[in-house]
Amino acid sequence: MSAGGSAPAARLSGEYERLSVGGCPDDARILRGWRGVLPHEWLFGAFLGQLALRLTLHGGPAAAWSLVFWACLLGSAAVIVWARRRPTRFRWYIRLLYYPAVMGISFYAMEPAVPLLGPKQDALLLAWDRKLLGETPAVSWAVWDWPWLEDLAMAGYLFFFYYLVASPAWYAVKDLARFRQCIVGLFTLYALGFLGYTVLPAGGPHRFLEFDRPLRGVWLLPLTLSTVNEGSNCVDVFPSIHFAATLYLLWFDLRYHRRHFWVAVLPCGVLWFSTLYLRFHYFVDLLAGLVVACIGCWAAARYGRSRLEAALQRETARVQGHDQPGPVCENAAGGGH
Protein backbone atom coordinates (compact mmCIF):
# COMPACT_ATOMS: atom_id res chain seq x y z
CA MET A 1 0.00 0.00 0.00
CA SER A 2 2.73 2.42 0.98
CA ALA A 3 4.76 1.50 -2.09
CA GLY A 4 1.75 1.98 -4.34
CA GLY A 5 1.00 5.35 -2.75
CA SER A 6 4.55 6.65 -3.00
CA ALA A 7 4.63 6.68 -6.81
CA PRO A 8 1.62 9.00 -7.22
CA ALA A 9 3.00 11.19 -4.44
CA ALA A 10 6.34 11.42 -6.21
CA ARG A 11 4.61 12.26 -9.48
CA LEU A 12 2.55 14.96 -7.77
CA SER A 13 5.67 16.37 -6.15
CA GLY A 14 7.48 16.50 -9.48
CA GLU A 15 4.47 18.08 -11.18
CA TYR A 16 4.26 20.74 -8.45
CA GLU A 17 7.95 21.56 -8.90
CA ARG A 18 7.40 21.83 -12.65
CA LEU A 19 4.36 24.09 -12.42
CA SER A 20 5.60 26.16 -9.50
CA VAL A 21 7.86 28.16 -11.79
CA GLY A 22 5.44 28.71 -14.63
CA GLY A 23 5.02 25.36 -16.38
CA CYS A 24 8.49 24.85 -17.89
CA PRO A 25 10.19 21.68 -16.73
CA ASP A 26 13.69 23.18 -16.81
CA ASP A 27 12.81 26.28 -14.78
CA ALA A 28 13.14 24.62 -11.39
CA ARG A 29 16.66 23.52 -12.29
CA ILE A 30 17.59 26.91 -13.81
CA LEU A 31 16.48 28.81 -10.70
CA ARG A 32 17.63 26.36 -8.03
CA GLY A 33 20.28 27.49 -5.56
CA TRP A 34 23.32 29.32 -6.90
CA ARG A 35 22.03 29.08 -10.49
CA GLY A 36 19.51 31.81 -9.72
CA VAL A 37 22.20 34.33 -8.77
CA LEU A 38 22.46 37.13 -11.33
CA PRO A 39 25.75 37.90 -13.13
CA HIS A 40 26.30 41.26 -11.46
CA GLU A 41 25.68 39.69 -8.05
CA TRP A 42 28.53 37.29 -8.66
CA LEU A 43 30.85 40.03 -9.91
CA PHE A 44 30.06 42.69 -7.32
CA GLY A 45 30.25 40.01 -4.64
CA ALA A 46 33.67 39.01 -5.98
CA PHE A 47 34.82 42.64 -5.80
CA LEU A 48 33.62 42.96 -2.20
CA GLY A 49 35.16 39.62 -1.23
CA GLN A 50 38.58 40.24 -2.76
CA LEU A 51 38.88 43.69 -1.22
CA ALA A 52 37.68 42.47 2.17
CA LEU A 53 40.20 39.62 2.05
CA ARG A 54 43.08 41.88 1.00
CA LEU A 55 42.31 44.30 3.82
CA THR A 56 41.99 41.46 6.34
CA LEU A 57 45.33 39.94 5.36
CA HIS A 58 47.02 43.35 5.45
CA GLY A 59 46.12 43.64 9.13
CA GLY A 60 46.06 46.67 11.41
CA PRO A 61 43.64 49.47 10.49
CA ALA A 62 43.05 47.81 7.13
CA ALA A 63 41.58 44.76 8.86
CA ALA A 64 39.14 47.00 10.70
CA TRP A 65 37.96 48.54 7.42
CA SER A 66 37.55 45.07 5.93
CA LEU A 67 34.50 44.62 8.16
CA VAL A 68 32.58 47.12 6.04
CA PHE A 69 33.13 45.07 2.90
CA TRP A 70 32.47 41.74 4.63
CA ALA A 71 29.19 43.18 5.91
CA CYS A 72 28.21 44.35 2.43
CA LEU A 73 28.99 40.89 1.04
CA LEU A 74 26.96 39.11 3.72
CA GLY A 75 24.14 41.58 3.18
CA SER A 76 24.13 40.74 -0.51
CA ALA A 77 23.82 37.02 0.20
CA ALA A 78 21.05 37.65 2.73
CA VAL A 79 19.03 39.81 0.33
CA ILE A 80 19.35 37.23 -2.45
CA VAL A 81 18.15 34.41 -0.18
CA TRP A 82 15.29 36.51 1.22
CA ALA A 83 14.12 37.59 -2.23
CA ARG A 84 14.27 34.03 -3.58
CA ARG A 85 12.00 32.69 -0.84
CA ARG A 86 9.07 34.58 -2.35
CA PRO A 87 10.10 36.40 -5.53
CA THR A 88 7.42 39.07 -5.69
CA ARG A 89 7.95 42.30 -7.59
CA PHE A 90 8.52 44.14 -4.30
CA ARG A 91 11.25 41.74 -3.24
CA TRP A 92 12.81 41.95 -6.67
CA TYR A 93 13.05 45.73 -6.37
CA ILE A 94 14.70 45.41 -2.97
CA ARG A 95 17.13 42.84 -4.36
CA LEU A 96 18.05 44.99 -7.37
CA LEU A 97 18.23 48.27 -5.45
CA TYR A 98 20.55 46.73 -2.88
CA TYR A 99 23.43 47.29 -5.30
CA PRO A 100 23.04 51.07 -5.68
CA ALA A 101 22.98 51.22 -1.88
CA VAL A 102 26.04 49.03 -1.34
CA MET A 103 27.80 50.82 -4.18
CA GLY A 104 27.54 54.07 -2.22
CA ILE A 105 28.74 52.46 1.00
CA SER A 106 31.71 50.73 -0.59
CA PHE A 107 32.62 53.82 -2.65
CA TYR A 108 33.12 55.99 0.42
CA ALA A 109 34.66 53.18 2.49
CA MET A 110 37.38 52.88 -0.16
CA GLU A 111 38.63 56.39 0.61
CA PRO A 112 40.27 55.44 3.92
CA ALA A 113 40.71 51.73 3.15
CA VAL A 114 42.38 51.51 -0.26
CA PRO A 115 45.38 53.80 0.51
CA LEU A 116 46.28 51.41 3.33
CA LEU A 117 47.07 48.76 0.72
CA GLY A 118 49.65 50.78 -1.21
CA PRO A 119 50.54 54.11 -2.84
CA LYS A 120 48.51 55.90 -5.47
CA GLN A 121 49.39 55.37 -9.12
CA ASP A 122 48.97 58.85 -10.64
CA ALA A 123 52.55 58.89 -11.90
CA LEU A 124 51.99 55.68 -13.85
CA LEU A 125 48.72 56.88 -15.41
CA LEU A 126 50.32 60.21 -16.33
CA ALA A 127 53.25 58.38 -17.93
CA TRP A 128 50.83 56.30 -20.02
CA ASP A 129 49.08 59.48 -21.20
CA ARG A 130 52.36 61.10 -22.16
CA LYS A 131 53.46 58.01 -24.03
CA LEU A 132 50.20 57.94 -25.99
CA LEU A 133 49.54 61.66 -26.50
CA GLY A 134 52.70 63.54 -25.60
CA GLU A 135 50.87 65.25 -22.73
CA THR A 136 47.77 64.54 -20.68
CA PRO A 137 44.73 66.55 -21.88
CA ALA A 138 44.35 68.25 -18.50
CA VAL A 139 47.61 70.05 -19.26
CA SER A 140 47.43 70.46 -23.03
CA TRP A 141 43.86 71.79 -22.90
CA ALA A 142 44.68 74.32 -20.18
CA VAL A 143 45.24 76.93 -22.93
CA TRP A 144 41.47 76.99 -23.37
CA ASP A 145 41.12 79.23 -20.34
CA TRP A 146 37.56 80.32 -21.01
CA PRO A 147 35.28 80.70 -17.96
CA TRP A 148 32.11 80.13 -19.99
CA LEU A 149 33.50 76.82 -21.31
CA GLU A 150 34.42 75.75 -17.78
CA ASP A 151 30.82 76.39 -16.67
CA LEU A 152 29.47 74.47 -19.65
CA ALA A 153 31.82 71.58 -18.91
CA MET A 154 30.69 71.51 -15.28
CA ALA A 155 27.05 71.43 -16.38
CA GLY A 156 27.90 68.39 -18.49
CA TYR A 157 29.78 66.78 -15.62
CA LEU A 158 26.81 67.22 -13.29
CA PHE A 159 24.52 65.62 -15.88
CA PHE A 160 26.04 62.30 -14.83
CA PHE A 161 24.13 62.34 -11.55
CA TYR A 162 20.81 62.89 -13.31
CA TYR A 163 21.39 60.25 -15.96
CA LEU A 164 22.66 57.60 -13.56
CA VAL A 165 19.33 57.80 -11.70
CA ALA A 166 16.83 58.76 -14.39
CA SER A 167 17.68 56.14 -16.99
CA PRO A 168 17.41 53.05 -14.73
CA ALA A 169 14.43 54.60 -12.90
CA TRP A 170 12.42 54.73 -16.11
CA TYR A 171 12.85 50.99 -16.59
CA ALA A 172 12.08 50.37 -12.91
CA VAL A 173 8.71 52.06 -13.31
CA LYS A 174 7.85 50.63 -16.72
CA ASP A 175 9.24 47.09 -16.87
CA LEU A 176 10.77 45.00 -14.07
CA ALA A 177 12.45 42.59 -16.50
CA ARG A 178 14.11 45.41 -18.44
CA PHE A 179 15.15 47.09 -15.18
CA ARG A 180 16.74 43.82 -14.07
CA GLN A 181 18.63 43.59 -17.36
CA CYS A 182 19.79 47.22 -16.99
CA ILE A 183 21.05 46.59 -13.46
CA VAL A 184 22.92 43.44 -14.53
CA GLY A 185 24.99 45.39 -17.05
CA LEU A 186 25.38 48.53 -14.96
CA PHE A 187 26.68 46.76 -11.86
CA THR A 188 28.86 44.42 -13.86
CA LEU A 189 30.45 47.65 -15.02
CA TYR A 190 30.62 49.06 -11.49
CA ALA A 191 32.18 45.89 -10.10
CA LEU A 192 34.99 46.06 -12.66
CA GLY A 193 35.36 49.81 -12.21
CA PHE A 194 35.65 49.56 -8.44
CA LEU A 195 38.18 46.78 -8.85
CA GLY A 196 40.24 49.19 -10.95
CA TYR A 197 40.09 51.74 -8.12
CA THR A 198 41.73 49.22 -5.81
CA VAL A 199 44.38 48.00 -8.28
CA LEU A 200 45.43 51.41 -9.65
CA PRO A 201 44.15 53.98 -7.15
CA ALA A 202 44.72 57.58 -8.20
CA GLY A 203 43.46 61.06 -7.40
CA GLY A 204 43.53 62.56 -10.90
CA PRO A 205 45.44 65.42 -12.53
CA HIS A 206 43.70 68.10 -10.44
CA ARG A 207 45.22 66.56 -7.31
CA PHE A 208 48.52 65.24 -8.66
CA LEU A 209 49.66 68.12 -10.88
CA GLU A 210 50.21 71.82 -10.33
CA PHE A 211 48.62 74.21 -12.83
CA ASP A 212 49.58 77.79 -13.60
CA ARG A 213 45.98 78.91 -13.61
CA PRO A 214 43.13 77.49 -11.55
CA LEU A 215 39.73 76.78 -13.04
CA ARG A 216 37.51 79.83 -12.55
CA GLY A 217 34.20 79.51 -14.35
CA VAL A 218 31.52 82.20 -14.26
CA TRP A 219 29.11 81.02 -11.57
CA LEU A 220 28.32 77.29 -11.92
CA LEU A 221 31.86 75.99 -11.52
CA PRO A 222 32.69 78.16 -8.46
CA LEU A 223 29.36 77.10 -6.96
CA THR A 224 29.85 73.35 -7.41
CA LEU A 225 33.54 72.46 -7.80
CA SER A 226 34.31 72.12 -4.10
CA THR A 227 31.23 69.93 -3.60
CA VAL A 228 32.24 67.69 -6.50
CA ASN A 229 35.78 67.36 -5.13
CA GLU A 230 34.49 66.57 -1.65
CA GLY A 231 32.21 63.89 -3.10
CA SER A 232 35.19 61.99 -4.50
CA ASN A 233 36.83 59.16 -2.57
CA CYS A 234 40.24 60.28 -3.94
CA VAL A 235 40.96 56.92 -5.61
CA ASP A 236 38.17 57.02 -8.22
CA VAL A 237 40.07 57.70 -11.43
CA PHE A 238 40.97 54.48 -13.28
CA PRO A 239 38.73 53.58 -15.03
CA SER A 240 36.44 56.57 -15.56
CA ILE A 241 33.01 55.39 -14.44
CA HIS A 242 31.57 58.77 -15.45
CA PHE A 243 32.47 57.80 -19.00
CA ALA A 244 31.74 54.08 -18.75
CA ALA A 245 28.35 54.28 -17.03
CA THR A 246 26.96 56.99 -19.30
CA LEU A 247 28.19 55.21 -22.42
CA TYR A 248 26.51 52.02 -21.20
CA LEU A 249 23.24 53.82 -20.40
CA LEU A 250 23.25 55.51 -23.80
CA TRP A 251 23.63 52.12 -25.45
CA PHE A 252 20.81 50.70 -23.33
CA ASP A 253 18.52 53.66 -24.03
CA LEU A 254 19.29 53.45 -27.75
CA ARG A 255 17.92 49.92 -27.70
CA TYR A 256 14.98 50.30 -25.32
CA HIS A 257 14.14 54.01 -24.75
CA ARG A 258 15.27 55.88 -27.83
CA ARG A 259 13.63 59.17 -26.90
CA HIS A 260 15.75 59.36 -23.75
CA PHE A 261 18.84 58.51 -25.79
CA TRP A 262 18.33 61.57 -27.99
CA VAL A 263 17.79 63.75 -24.93
CA ALA A 264 20.98 62.48 -23.27
CA VAL A 265 23.49 62.02 -26.08
CA LEU A 266 24.66 65.63 -26.39
CA PRO A 267 24.97 66.26 -22.61
CA CYS A 268 26.92 63.00 -22.36
CA GLY A 269 29.32 64.24 -25.02
CA VAL A 270 29.90 67.39 -22.96
CA LEU A 271 30.31 65.20 -19.86
CA TRP A 272 33.04 63.12 -21.50
CA PHE A 273 34.86 66.27 -22.58
CA SER A 274 34.56 67.67 -19.05
CA THR A 275 36.26 64.68 -17.42
CA LEU A 276 39.50 65.71 -19.15
CA TYR A 277 39.03 69.46 -19.47
CA LEU A 278 38.16 69.94 -15.79
CA ARG A 279 41.27 67.92 -14.86
CA PHE A 280 39.48 65.03 -13.17
CA HIS A 281 40.85 62.24 -15.38
CA TYR A 282 43.75 61.03 -17.48
CA PHE A 283 43.03 59.97 -21.04
CA VAL A 284 43.83 56.33 -20.24
CA ASP A 285 41.02 56.40 -17.68
CA LEU A 286 38.55 56.86 -20.53
CA LEU A 287 40.17 54.09 -22.56
CA ALA A 288 39.74 51.75 -19.60
CA GLY A 289 36.19 53.04 -19.18
CA LEU A 290 35.47 52.11 -22.79
CA VAL A 291 36.55 48.53 -22.12
CA VAL A 292 34.47 48.34 -18.96
CA ALA A 293 31.42 49.82 -20.72
CA CYS A 294 31.69 47.27 -23.53
CA ILE A 295 31.79 44.44 -21.00
CA GLY A 296 28.70 45.88 -19.30
CA CYS A 297 26.86 46.08 -22.64
CA TRP A 298 27.85 42.52 -23.48
CA ALA A 299 26.72 41.26 -20.07
CA ALA A 300 23.33 42.99 -20.35
CA ALA A 301 22.71 41.78 -23.90
CA ARG A 302 23.69 38.20 -23.09
CA TYR A 303 21.64 38.16 -19.90
CA GLY A 304 18.57 39.59 -21.66
CA ARG A 305 18.58 36.56 -24.01
CA SER A 306 19.33 34.03 -21.28
CA ARG A 307 17.15 31.18 -20.11
CA LEU A 308 17.63 32.48 -16.58
CA GLU A 309 15.86 35.77 -17.39
CA ALA A 310 13.06 33.96 -19.23
CA ALA A 311 12.55 31.65 -16.24
CA LEU A 312 12.52 34.61 -13.85
CA GLN A 313 9.86 36.37 -15.92
CA ARG A 314 7.63 33.29 -15.86
CA GLU A 315 8.18 32.91 -12.13
CA THR A 316 7.30 36.54 -11.39
CA ALA A 317 4.16 36.30 -13.52
CA ARG A 318 3.04 33.24 -11.56
CA VAL A 319 3.82 34.68 -8.13
CA GLN A 320 2.04 37.96 -8.86
CA GLY A 321 -0.87 36.25 -10.61
CA HIS A 322 -0.58 38.50 -13.67
CA ASP A 323 -3.09 38.12 -16.46
CA GLN A 324 -0.27 38.14 -18.99
CA PRO A 325 2.08 35.16 -18.71
CA GLY A 326 5.83 35.31 -18.90
CA PRO A 327 7.81 34.22 -21.97
CA VAL A 328 6.67 31.02 -23.63
CA CYS A 329 8.68 28.03 -22.53
CA GLU A 330 10.88 26.93 -25.41
CA ASN A 331 10.89 23.38 -24.12
CA ALA A 332 7.43 22.83 -22.68
CA ALA A 333 7.55 19.12 -23.47
CA GLY A 334 10.31 18.70 -20.94
CA GLY A 335 13.33 18.03 -23.14
CA GLY A 336 16.73 19.56 -22.47
CA HIS A 337 18.82 21.90 -24.60
Foldseek 3Di string as FASTA:
>chain_A
DVVVVVVVVVVVVLVCLCPLLFQANCLSVCCPDPNLDFQLLVLLLVLLVVCLVLQCVLDDVSVVLSVLSVVLNVVLVVLVVVCVVQVALVSLVVNLVSVVVSLLSVQQSCLVNLVSNDHAAPVVLQVVLCVVPVGWLQAVVVVVQDQALLLLLVVLQVVLVVLLPVLLVVCSVPPSLLSVLLSSLLSLLVSVQVSQLNVHFAQFQVPPDDDPDARDHDPRCVVPVVVVSVSHSRRREAAPSLLQNVVLSLVSCVVPPVVVNVVCVVSSVSNVVSCRNNGRYTPVNNVRSVVSSVSSNVSSVVVSPDPSSQSVQQNNCVSVVPPDGGDDHPCSVHDDD
